Amino acid sequence: QYVKRARWMLLRNPANVPSDQAPKLAELLEANQALMTVYVMKASLKELWQPTNPWHWRAAWRNWQAMAMSSAIEPLIRFARKLA
């Protein structure tokens, strides 16, 4: 229930989380390792859309995909397969 109420906070970029909500977000992510993994993976996936050159993008994509596959989080693995 707590995670459900915090979904809008989780959808924000880490840089856009208001300072009064940052401690709540940190507490939530510390309490749930899988949620923390997905939150970090979401942020790193967004970074792929700002490549410096095509080869950096390709390496970053392969790195992200490998991290997703090794996460042992089934929805994240399915999402990575669909993106591939």
PDB file of N, CA and C in Angstrom:
ATOM      1  N   GLN A   1       0.827  -1.194   0.000  1.00  0.00           N
ATOM      2  CA  GLN A   1       0.000   0.000   0.000  1.00  0.00           C
ATOM      3  C   GLN A   1       0.872   1.259   0.000  1.00  0.00           C
ATOM      4  N   TYR A   2       1.966   1.224   0.761  1.00  0.00           N
ATOM      5  CA  TYR A   2       2.855   2.384   0.829  1.00  0.00           C
ATOM      6  C   TYR A   2       3.483   2.666  -0.534  1.00  0.00           C
ATOM      7  N   VAL A   3       3.864   1.614  -1.237  1.00  0.00           N
ATOM      8  CA  VAL A   3       4.458   1.771  -2.567  1.00  0.00           C
ATOM      9  C   VAL A   3       3.422   2.330  -3.526  1.00  0.00           C
ATOM     10  N   LYS A   4       2.197   1.861  -3.419  1.00  0.00           N
ATOM     11  CA  LYS A   4       1.138   2.323  -4.310  1.00  0.00           C
ATOM     12  C   LYS A   4       0.905   3.825  -4.152  1.00  0.00           C
ATOM     13  N   ARG A   5       0.963   4.301  -2.904  1.00  0.00           N
ATOM     14  CA  ARG A   5       0.763   5.736  -2.659  1.00  0.00           C
ATOM     15  C   ARG A   5       1.964   6.561  -3.129  1.00  0.00           C
ATOM     16  N   ALA A   6       3.104   5.939  -3.268  1.00  0.00           N
ATOM     17  CA  ALA A   6       4.325   6.659  -3.640  1.00  0.00           C
ATOM     18  C   ALA A   6       4.635   6.567  -5.129  1.00  0.00           C
ATOM     19  N   ARG A   7       3.728   6.058  -5.924  1.00  0.00           N
ATOM     20  CA  ARG A   7       4.055   5.809  -7.332  1.00  0.00           C
ATOM     21  C   ARG A   7       4.419   7.075  -8.096  1.00  0.00           C
ATOM     22  N   TRP A   8       3.793   8.220  -7.804  1.00  0.00           N
ATOM     23  CA  TRP A   8       4.120   9.446  -8.533  1.00  0.00           C
ATOM     24  C   TRP A   8       5.531   9.909  -8.182  1.00  0.00           C
ATOM     25  N   MET A   9       5.916   9.681  -6.937  1.00  0.00           N
ATOM     26  CA  MET A   9       7.270  10.026  -6.530  1.00  0.00           C
ATOM     27  C   MET A   9       8.278   9.119  -7.252  1.00  0.00           C
ATOM     28  N   LEU A  10       7.927   7.854  -7.425  1.00  0.00           N
ATOM     29  CA  LEU A  10       8.818   6.908  -8.100  1.00  0.00           C
ATOM     30  C   LEU A  10       8.931   7.187  -9.596  1.00  0.00           C
ATOM     31  N   LEU A  11       7.923   7.794 -10.170  1.00  0.00           N
ATOM     32  CA  LEU A  11       7.948   8.089 -11.602  1.00  0.00           C
ATOM     33  C   LEU A  11       8.789   9.318 -11.936  1.00  0.00           C
ATOM     34  N   ARG A  12       9.098  10.121 -10.939  1.00  0.00           N
ATOM     35  CA  ARG A  12       9.908  11.317 -11.177  1.00  0.00           C
ATOM     36  C   ARG A  12      11.355  10.940 -11.450  1.00  0.00           C
ATOM     37  N   ASN A  13      12.029  11.802 -12.203  1.00  0.00           N
ATOM     38  CA  ASN A  13      13.467  11.648 -12.367  1.00  0.00           C
ATOM     39  C   ASN A  13      14.116  11.945 -11.022  1.00  0.00           C
ATOM     40  N   PRO A  14      15.220  11.293 -10.700  1.00  0.00           N
ATOM     41  CA  PRO A  14      15.863  11.546  -9.399  1.00  0.00           C
ATOM     42  C   PRO A  14      16.179  13.023  -9.158  1.00  0.00           C
ATOM     43  N   ALA A  15      16.535  13.747 -10.201  1.00  0.00           N
ATOM     44  CA  ALA A  15      16.861  15.163 -10.046  1.00  0.00           C
ATOM     45  C   ALA A  15      15.624  16.022  -9.787  1.00  0.00           C
ATOM     46  N   ASN A  16      14.440  15.502 -10.098  1.00  0.00           N
ATOM     47  CA  ASN A  16      13.214  16.278  -9.950  1.00  0.00           C
ATOM     48  C   ASN A  16      12.414  15.948  -8.697  1.00  0.00           C
ATOM     49  N   VAL A  17      12.954  15.121  -7.832  1.00  0.00           N
ATOM     50  CA  VAL A  17      12.249  14.795  -6.584  1.00  0.00           C
ATOM     51  C   VAL A  17      12.395  15.984  -5.647  1.00  0.00           C
ATOM     52  N   PRO A  18      11.264  16.537  -5.161  1.00  0.00           N
ATOM     53  CA  PRO A  18      11.347  17.677  -4.238  1.00  0.00           C
ATOM     54  C   PRO A  18      12.146  17.316  -2.980  1.00  0.00           C
ATOM     55  N   SER A  19      12.826  18.294  -2.435  1.00  0.00           N
ATOM     56  CA  SER A  19      13.697  18.043  -1.284  1.00  0.00           C
ATOM     57  C   SER A  19      12.927  17.522  -0.075  1.00  0.00           C
ATOM     58  N   ASP A  20      11.659  17.895   0.069  1.00  0.00           N
ATOM     59  CA  ASP A  20      10.881  17.390   1.212  1.00  0.00           C
ATOM     60  C   ASP A  20      10.469  15.926   1.025  1.00  0.00           C
ATOM     61  N   GLN A  21      10.473  15.424  -0.223  1.00  0.00           N
ATOM     62  CA  GLN A  21      10.110  14.037  -0.485  1.00  0.00           C
ATOM     63  C   GLN A  21      11.318  13.118  -0.635  1.00  0.00           C
ATOM     64  N   ALA A  22      12.502  13.672  -0.741  1.00  0.00           N
ATOM     65  CA  ALA A  22      13.713  12.869  -0.928  1.00  0.00           C
ATOM     66  C   ALA A  22      13.941  11.868   0.202  1.00  0.00           C
ATOM     67  N   PRO A  23      13.771  12.249   1.470  1.00  0.00           N
ATOM     68  CA  PRO A  23      13.948  11.245   2.533  1.00  0.00           C
ATOM     69  C   PRO A  23      12.941  10.098   2.452  1.00  0.00           C
ATOM     70  N   LYS A  24      11.718  10.413   2.077  1.00  0.00           N
ATOM     71  CA  LYS A  24      10.696   9.366   1.926  1.00  0.00           C
ATOM     72  C   LYS A  24      11.074   8.411   0.798  1.00  0.00           C
ATOM     73  N   LEU A  25      11.565   8.964  -0.297  1.00  0.00           N
ATOM     74  CA  LEU A  25      11.982   8.139  -1.425  1.00  0.00           C
ATOM     75  C   LEU A  25      13.153   7.242  -1.033  1.00  0.00           C
ATOM     76  N   ALA A  26      14.127   7.806  -0.343  1.00  0.00           N
ATOM     77  CA  ALA A  26      15.285   7.020   0.091  1.00  0.00           C
ATOM     78  C   ALA A  26      14.855   5.894   1.026  1.00  0.00           C
ATOM     79  N   GLU A  27      13.948   6.174   1.928  1.00  0.00           N
ATOM     80  CA  GLU A  27      13.449   5.153   2.854  1.00  0.00           C
ATOM     81  C   GLU A  27      12.723   4.042   2.103  1.00  0.00           C
ATOM     82  N   LEU A  28      11.913   4.429   1.137  1.00  0.00           N
ATOM     83  CA  LEU A  28      11.171   3.458   0.344  1.00  0.00           C
ATOM     84  C   LEU A  28      12.109   2.558  -0.454  1.00  0.00           C
ATOM     85  N   LEU A  29      13.115   3.148  -1.078  1.00  0.00           N
ATOM     86  CA  LEU A  29      14.053   2.371  -1.883  1.00  0.00           C
ATOM     87  C   LEU A  29      14.937   1.471  -1.021  1.00  0.00           C
ATOM     88  N   GLU A  30      15.284   1.915   0.172  1.00  0.00           N
ATOM     89  CA  GLU A  30      16.075   1.085   1.077  1.00  0.00           C
ATOM     90  C   GLU A  30      15.286  -0.124   1.560  1.00  0.00           C
ATOM     91  N   ALA A  31      13.979   0.039   1.692  1.00  0.00           N
ATOM     92  CA  ALA A  31      13.139  -1.038   2.213  1.00  0.00           C
ATOM     93  C   ALA A  31      12.861  -2.123   1.185  1.00  0.00           C
ATOM     94  N   ASN A  32      13.019  -1.823  -0.093  1.00  0.00           N
ATOM     95  CA  ASN A  32      12.663  -2.776  -1.133  1.00  0.00           C
ATOM     96  C   ASN A  32      13.767  -2.809  -2.186  1.00  0.00           C
ATOM     97  N   GLN A  33      14.594  -3.828  -2.145  1.00  0.00           N
ATOM     98  CA  GLN A  33      15.746  -3.939  -3.047  1.00  0.00           C
ATOM     99  C   GLN A  33      15.325  -4.034  -4.518  1.00  0.00           C
ATOM    100  N   ALA A  34      14.279  -4.785  -4.810  1.00  0.00           N
ATOM    101  CA  ALA A  34      13.831  -4.920  -6.204  1.00  0.00           C
ATOM    102  C   ALA A  34      13.340  -3.578  -6.734  1.00  0.00           C
ATOM    103  N   LEU A  35      12.627  -2.838  -5.907  1.00  0.00           N
ATOM    104  CA  LEU A  35      12.144  -1.522  -6.319  1.00  0.00           C
ATOM    105  C   LEU A  35      13.309  -0.581  -6.578  1.00  0.00           C
ATOM    106  N   MET A  36      14.321  -0.659  -5.735  1.00  0.00           N
ATOM    107  CA  MET A  36      15.497   0.187  -5.921  1.00  0.00           C
ATOM    108  C   MET A  36      16.198  -0.154  -7.238  1.00  0.00           C
ATOM    109  N   THR A  37      16.317  -1.424  -7.540  1.00  0.00           N
ATOM    110  CA  THR A  37      16.957  -1.853  -8.785  1.00  0.00           C
ATOM    111  C   THR A  37      16.205  -1.310  -9.992  1.00  0.00           C
ATOM    112  N   VAL A  38      14.898  -1.440  -9.978  1.00  0.00           N
ATOM    113  CA  VAL A  38      14.090  -0.970 -11.111  1.00  0.00           C
ATOM    114  C   VAL A  38      14.155   0.548 -11.222  1.00  0.00           C
ATOM    115  N   TYR A  39      14.172   1.250 -10.093  1.00  0.00           N
ATOM    116  CA  TYR A  39      14.254   2.715 -10.110  1.00  0.00           C
ATOM    117  C   TYR A  39      15.577   3.173 -10.738  1.00  0.00           C
ATOM    118  N   VAL A  40      16.663   2.535 -10.375  1.00  0.00           N
ATOM    119  CA  VAL A  40      17.974   2.875 -10.936  1.00  0.00           C
ATOM    120  C   VAL A  40      18.026   2.512 -12.421  1.00  0.00           C
ATOM    121  N   MET A  41      17.458   1.361 -12.772  1.00  0.00           N
ATOM    122  CA  MET A  41      17.449   0.942 -14.172  1.00  0.00           C
ATOM    123  C   MET A  41      16.614   1.895 -15.023  1.00  0.00           C
ATOM    124  N   LYS A  42      15.525   2.396 -14.470  1.00  0.00           N
ATOM    125  CA  LYS A  42      14.693   3.364 -15.194  1.00  0.00           C
ATOM    126  C   LYS A  42      15.490   4.621 -15.499  1.00  0.00           C
ATOM    127  N   ALA A  43      16.209   5.110 -14.521  1.00  0.00           N
ATOM    128  CA  ALA A  43      17.002   6.322 -14.713  1.00  0.00           C
ATOM    129  C   ALA A  43      18.117   6.093 -15.733  1.00  0.00           C
ATOM    130  N   SER A  44      18.762   4.945 -15.669  1.00  0.00           N
ATOM    131  CA  SER A  44      19.848   4.680 -16.621  1.00  0.00           C
ATOM    132  C   SER A  44      19.317   4.457 -18.036  1.00  0.00           C
ATOM    133  N   LEU A  45      18.118   3.913 -18.163  1.00  0.00           N
ATOM    134  CA  LEU A  45      17.521   3.742 -19.490  1.00  0.00           C
ATOM    135  C   LEU A  45      17.230   5.097 -20.124  1.00  0.00           C
ATOM    136  N   LYS A  46      16.778   6.055 -19.339  1.00  0.00           N
ATOM    137  CA  LYS A  46      16.518   7.395 -19.870  1.00  0.00           C
ATOM    138  C   LYS A  46      17.796   8.045 -20.388  1.00  0.00           C
ATOM    139  N   GLU A  47      18.909   7.734 -19.767  1.00  0.00           N
ATOM    140  CA  GLU A  47      20.186   8.306 -20.197  1.00  0.00           C
ATOM    141  C   GLU A  47      20.592   7.819 -21.581  1.00  0.00           C
ATOM    142  N   LEU A  48      20.068   6.684 -22.012  1.00  0.00           N
ATOM    143  CA  LEU A  48      20.403   6.167 -23.337  1.00  0.00           C
ATOM    144  C   LEU A  48      19.898   7.066 -24.458  1.00  0.00           C
ATOM    145  N   TRP A  49      18.939   7.908 -24.157  1.00  0.00           N
ATOM    146  CA  TRP A  49      18.369   8.768 -25.190  1.00  0.00           C
ATOM    147  C   TRP A  49      19.172  10.045 -25.370  1.00  0.00           C
ATOM    148  N   GLN A  50      20.323  10.153 -24.721  1.00  0.00           N
ATOM    149  CA  GLN A  50      21.202  11.309 -24.888  1.00  0.00           C
ATOM    150  C   GLN A  50      22.614  10.828 -25.224  1.00  0.00           C
ATOM    151  N   PRO A  51      22.759  10.123 -26.331  1.00  0.00           N
ATOM    152  CA  PRO A  51      24.085   9.569 -26.659  1.00  0.00           C
ATOM    153  C   PRO A  51      25.034  10.641 -27.207  1.00  0.00           C
ATOM    154  N   THR A  52      26.314  10.398 -27.000  1.00  0.00           N
ATOM    155  CA  THR A  52      27.302  11.296 -27.586  1.00  0.00           C
ATOM    156  C   THR A  52      27.648  10.850 -29.008  1.00  0.00           C
ATOM    157  N   ASN A  53      27.637   9.551 -29.234  1.00  0.00           N
ATOM    158  CA  ASN A  53      27.801   9.030 -30.585  1.00  0.00           C
ATOM    159  C   ASN A  53      27.167   7.636 -30.636  1.00  0.00           C
ATOM    160  N   PRO A  54      26.914   7.107 -31.827  1.00  0.00           N
ATOM    161  CA  PRO A  54      26.217   5.811 -31.947  1.00  0.00           C
ATOM    162  C   PRO A  54      26.918   4.654 -31.249  1.00  0.00           C
ATOM    163  N   TRP A  55      28.243   4.649 -31.224  1.00  0.00           N
ATOM    164  CA  TRP A  55      28.947   3.532 -30.603  1.00  0.00           C
ATOM    165  C   TRP A  55      28.806   3.560 -29.083  1.00  0.00           C
ATOM    166  N   HIS A  56      28.785   4.759 -28.510  1.00  0.00           N
ATOM    167  CA  HIS A  56      28.567   4.860 -27.064  1.00  0.00           C
ATOM    168  C   HIS A  56      27.157   4.380 -26.721  1.00  0.00           C
ATOM    169  N   TRP A  57      26.210   4.739 -27.575  1.00  0.00           N
ATOM    170  CA  TRP A  57      24.834   4.314 -27.336  1.00  0.00           C
ATOM    171  C   TRP A  57      24.735   2.796 -27.370  1.00  0.00           C
ATOM    172  N   ARG A  58      25.359   2.204 -28.352  1.00  0.00           N
ATOM    173  CA  ARG A  58      25.291   0.740 -28.496  1.00  0.00           C
ATOM    174  C   ARG A  58      25.907   0.036 -27.284  1.00  0.00           C
ATOM    175  N   ALA A  59      27.041   0.517 -26.817  1.00  0.00           N
ATOM    176  CA  ALA A  59      27.684  -0.071 -25.636  1.00  0.00           C
ATOM    177  C   ALA A  59      26.828   0.145 -24.392  1.00  0.00           C
ATOM    178  N   ALA A  60      26.256   1.330 -24.263  1.00  0.00           N
ATOM    179  CA  ALA A  60      25.400   1.621 -23.101  1.00  0.00           C
ATOM    180  C   ALA A  60      24.147   0.751 -23.135  1.00  0.00           C
ATOM    181  N   TRP A  61      23.581   0.544 -24.324  1.00  0.00           N
ATOM    182  CA  TRP A  61      22.403  -0.313 -24.445  1.00  0.00           C
ATOM    183  C   TRP A  61      22.729  -1.750 -24.045  1.00  0.00           C
ATOM    184  N   ARG A  62      23.840  -2.256 -24.549  1.00  0.00           N
ATOM    185  CA  ARG A  62      24.230  -3.632 -24.211  1.00  0.00           C
ATOM    186  C   ARG A  62      24.477  -3.779 -22.711  1.00  0.00           C
ATOM    187  N   ASN A  63      25.071  -2.770 -22.117  1.00  0.00           N
ATOM    188  CA  ASN A  63      25.320  -2.782 -20.677  1.00  0.00           C
ATOM    189  C   ASN A  63      23.988  -2.778 -19.919  1.00  0.00           C
ATOM    190  N   TRP A  64      23.056  -1.911 -20.335  1.00  0.00           N
ATOM    191  CA  TRP A  64      21.749  -1.847 -19.666  1.00  0.00           C
ATOM    192  C   TRP A  64      21.014  -3.180 -19.805  1.00  0.00           C
ATOM    193  N   GLN A  65      21.038  -3.739 -20.992  1.00  0.00           N
ATOM    194  CA  GLN A  65      20.344  -5.000 -21.239  1.00  0.00           C
ATOM    195  C   GLN A  65      20.946  -6.131 -20.392  1.00  0.00           C
ATOM    196  N   ALA A  66      22.255  -6.165 -20.278  1.00  0.00           N
ATOM    197  CA  ALA A  66      22.905  -7.192 -19.459  1.00  0.00           C
ATOM    198  C   ALA A  66      22.537  -7.028 -17.985  1.00  0.00           C
ATOM    199  N   MET A  67      22.500  -5.788 -17.513  1.00  0.00           N
ATOM    200  CA  MET A  67      22.105  -5.555 -16.114  1.00  0.00           C
ATOM    201  C   MET A  67      20.663  -5.977 -15.882  1.00  0.00           C
ATOM    202  N   ALA A  68      19.790  -5.686 -16.837  1.00  0.00           N
ATOM    203  CA  ALA A  68      18.384  -6.070 -16.698  1.00  0.00           C
ATOM    204  C   ALA A  68      18.243  -7.584 -16.670  1.00  0.00           C
ATOM    205  N   MET A  69      18.945  -8.272 -17.534  1.00  0.00           N
ATOM    206  CA  MET A  69      18.849  -9.733 -17.592  1.00  0.00           C
ATOM    207  C   MET A  69      19.410 -10.397 -16.341  1.00  0.00           C
ATOM    208  N   SER A  70      20.397  -9.780 -15.721  1.00  0.00           N
ATOM    209  CA  SER A  70      20.993 -10.376 -14.523  1.00  0.00           C
ATOM    210  C   SER A  70      20.313  -9.916 -13.235  1.00  0.00           C
ATOM    211  N   SER A  71      19.266  -9.111 -13.351  1.00  0.00           N
ATOM    212  CA  SER A  71      18.614  -8.564 -12.159  1.00  0.00           C
ATOM    213  C   SER A  71      17.755  -9.579 -11.415  1.00  0.00           C
ATOM    214  N   ALA A  72      17.332 -10.640 -12.077  1.00  0.00           N
ATOM    215  CA  ALA A  72      16.440 -11.656 -11.499  1.00  0.00           C
ATOM    216  C   ALA A  72      15.058 -11.093 -11.179  1.00  0.00           C
ATOM    217  N   ILE A  73      14.708  -9.975 -11.795  1.00  0.00           N
ATOM    218  CA  ILE A  73      13.375  -9.383 -11.651  1.00  0.00           C
ATOM    219  C   ILE A  73      12.633  -9.675 -12.953  1.00  0.00           C
ATOM    220  N   GLU A  74      11.712 -10.603 -12.903  1.00  0.00           N
ATOM    221  CA  GLU A  74      11.069 -11.114 -14.111  1.00  0.00           C
ATOM    222  C   GLU A  74      10.404 -10.022 -14.960  1.00  0.00           C
ATOM    223  N   PRO A  75       9.650  -9.081 -14.395  1.00  0.00           N
ATOM    224  CA  PRO A  75       9.066  -8.035 -15.253  1.00  0.00           C
ATOM    225  C   PRO A  75      10.129  -7.187 -15.956  1.00  0.00           C
ATOM    226  N   LEU A  76      11.236  -6.934 -15.291  1.00  0.00           N
ATOM    227  CA  LEU A  76      12.315  -6.166 -15.910  1.00  0.00           C
ATOM    228  C   LEU A  76      12.978  -6.959 -17.030  1.00  0.00           C
ATOM    229  N   ILE A  77      13.134  -8.243 -16.834  1.00  0.00           N
ATOM    230  CA  ILE A  77      13.706  -9.105 -17.870  1.00  0.00           C
ATOM    231  C   ILE A  77      12.789  -9.151 -19.092  1.00  0.00           C
ATOM    232  N   ARG A  78      11.483  -9.287 -18.862  1.00  0.00           N
ATOM    233  CA  ARG A  78      10.529  -9.292 -19.987  1.00  0.00           C
ATOM    234  C   ARG A  78      10.563  -7.966 -20.728  1.00  0.00           C
ATOM    235  N   PHE A  79      10.645  -6.864 -19.996  1.00  0.00           N
ATOM    236  CA  PHE A  79      10.702  -5.534 -20.613  1.00  0.00           C
ATOM    237  C   PHE A  79      11.960  -5.397 -21.465  1.00  0.00           C
ATOM    238  N   ALA A  80      13.090  -5.851 -20.956  1.00  0.00           N
ATOM    239  CA  ALA A  80      14.340  -5.771 -21.721  1.00  0.00           C
ATOM    240  C   ALA A  80      14.266  -6.619 -22.990  1.00  0.00           C
ATOM    241  N   ARG A  81      13.642  -7.791 -22.888  1.00  0.00           N
ATOM    242  CA  ARG A  81      13.491  -8.631 -24.096  1.00  0.00           C
ATOM    243  C   ARG A  81      12.605  -7.956 -25.123  1.00  0.00           C
ATOM    244  N   LYS A  82      11.545  -7.308 -24.681  1.00  0.00           N
ATOM    245  CA  LYS A  82      10.654  -6.619 -25.621  1.00  0.00           C
ATOM    246  C   LYS A  82      11.375  -5.442 -26.275  1.00  0.00           C
ATOM    247  N   LEU A  83      12.198  -4.730 -25.526  1.00  0.00           N
ATOM    248  CA  LEU A  83      12.942  -3.620 -26.117  1.00  0.00           C
ATOM    249  C   LEU A  83      13.960  -4.111 -27.130  1.00  0.00           C
ATOM    250  N   ALA A  84      14.548  -5.252 -26.839  1.00  0.00           N
ATOM    251  CA  ALA A  84      15.565  -5.786 -27.756  1.00  0.00           C
ATOM    252  C   ALA A  84      14.917  -6.180 -29.072  1.00  0.00           C
TER     253      ALA A  84
END
